[in-house]
Each structure stands twice: as structure tokens, then as C-alpha cells.
Amino acid sequence: YRLQIYNAMTVTNANKTLKKYKKTLPDSLYIVFEAPFYKIRYGNYTSKKIAEDEKENLQKQGFKDIWIVKSRIN
């Protein structure tokens, strides 16, 4: 599982936001393109429960509009 924390219409906006998030978020960040959006996803969680806990933590830090996304992790 991963947390989707942002989406943008342009790769420029997605990259700019990714750089900003890299300064404050300790885990892995990914940009995924699913037409027409560039989505920033965060983390590599082996269970939905762990992802839910991290989602709550991020919301306490001021992040809004976070979704848990089922994703293949390495």
C-alpha cells in the first residue's frame, strides 16, 4: 500500500511539490502518471493498517486529501 498525497495536471507542478515534500517526509516518494494526473505517492506499507496509521499521522501534520492506494511494493 501507498498513500496518495497530491495530484497535479502538469509534471512541472508534480516535480515542484515532490521536491518540497522530500524535505519533510522521511519515507519514499513516487510520481505516478495516470491520465490526466501526475500523482505523488508516499511510503511502502505491507498492510492496510500500517498505511491507515501513517495516514492519520500525516493528517495531524496538516496534509489533506490523502488516499490509501493498493500498490505493488518492492
Protein backbone atom coordinates (compact mmCIF):
# COMPACT_ATOMS: atom_id res chain seq x y z
CA TYR A 1 0.00 0.00 0.00
CA ARG A 2 0.98 3.61 -0.54
CA LEU A 3 -0.57 6.93 0.40
CA GLN A 4 -1.54 9.26 -2.40
CA ILE A 5 -0.81 12.72 -1.04
CA TYR A 6 -1.02 15.01 -4.08
CA ASN A 7 -2.08 15.17 -7.71
CA ALA A 8 -1.35 17.71 -10.43
CA MET A 9 -2.24 18.31 -14.06
CA THR A 10 1.37 19.03 -15.08
CA VAL A 11 4.64 17.23 -14.46
CA THR A 12 6.21 20.59 -13.56
CA ASN A 13 3.83 21.10 -10.63
CA ALA A 14 4.26 17.49 -9.51
CA ASN A 15 8.07 17.77 -9.53
CA LYS A 16 8.00 21.08 -7.66
CA THR A 17 5.76 19.61 -4.96
CA LEU A 18 7.84 16.43 -4.80
CA LYS A 19 10.96 18.49 -4.02
CA LYS A 20 9.08 20.29 -1.24
CA TYR A 21 7.82 17.03 0.29
CA LYS A 22 11.29 15.42 0.16
CA LYS A 23 12.44 17.98 2.71
CA THR A 24 9.83 16.98 5.30
CA LEU A 25 8.86 13.36 4.62
CA PRO A 26 11.34 10.62 5.57
CA ASP A 27 9.95 7.71 3.52
CA SER A 28 9.98 7.02 -0.23
CA LEU A 29 8.09 9.30 -2.64
CA TYR A 30 6.93 8.34 -6.13
CA ILE A 31 5.38 10.16 -9.09
CA VAL A 32 2.85 8.08 -10.99
CA PHE A 33 1.14 9.22 -14.19
CA GLU A 34 -2.48 8.16 -14.58
CA ALA A 35 -4.02 10.29 -17.30
CA PRO A 36 -4.65 13.14 -16.92
CA PHE A 37 -2.96 13.44 -13.49
CA TYR A 38 0.54 13.16 -12.08
CA LYS A 39 0.14 11.69 -8.61
CA ILE A 40 2.58 11.76 -5.73
CA ARG A 41 2.50 8.64 -3.60
CA TYR A 42 4.27 8.09 -0.33
CA GLY A 43 5.62 5.08 1.52
CA ASN A 44 5.81 1.31 1.18
CA TYR A 45 3.35 -0.28 3.59
CA THR A 46 2.91 -4.03 3.87
CA SER A 47 -0.55 -3.80 5.42
CA LYS A 48 -3.54 -1.52 5.16
CA LYS A 49 -3.47 -0.99 8.95
CA ILE A 50 0.07 0.42 8.83
CA ALA A 51 -0.96 2.70 5.93
CA GLU A 52 -4.00 3.89 7.91
CA ASP A 53 -1.80 4.72 10.92
CA GLU A 54 0.58 6.73 8.75
CA LYS A 55 -2.36 8.48 7.05
CA GLU A 56 -3.58 9.66 10.47
CA ASN A 57 -0.07 10.82 11.35
CA LEU A 58 0.22 12.85 8.12
CA GLN A 59 -3.21 14.39 8.65
CA LYS A 60 -2.06 15.58 12.09
CA GLN A 61 0.88 17.24 10.32
CA GLY A 62 -1.54 19.19 8.10
CA PHE A 63 -1.75 17.04 4.97
CA LYS A 64 -5.22 16.98 3.46
CA ASP A 65 -6.86 14.72 0.87
CA ILE A 66 -4.85 11.55 1.48
CA TRP A 67 -5.93 8.24 -0.05
CA ILE A 68 -4.69 4.76 0.64
CA VAL A 69 -3.79 3.12 -2.67
CA LYS A 70 -3.17 -0.57 -3.14
CA SER A 71 0.17 -0.77 -4.86
CA ARG A 72 2.87 -3.30 -5.66
CA ILE A 73 5.88 -2.60 -3.48
CA ASN A 74 9.38 -3.98 -3.91
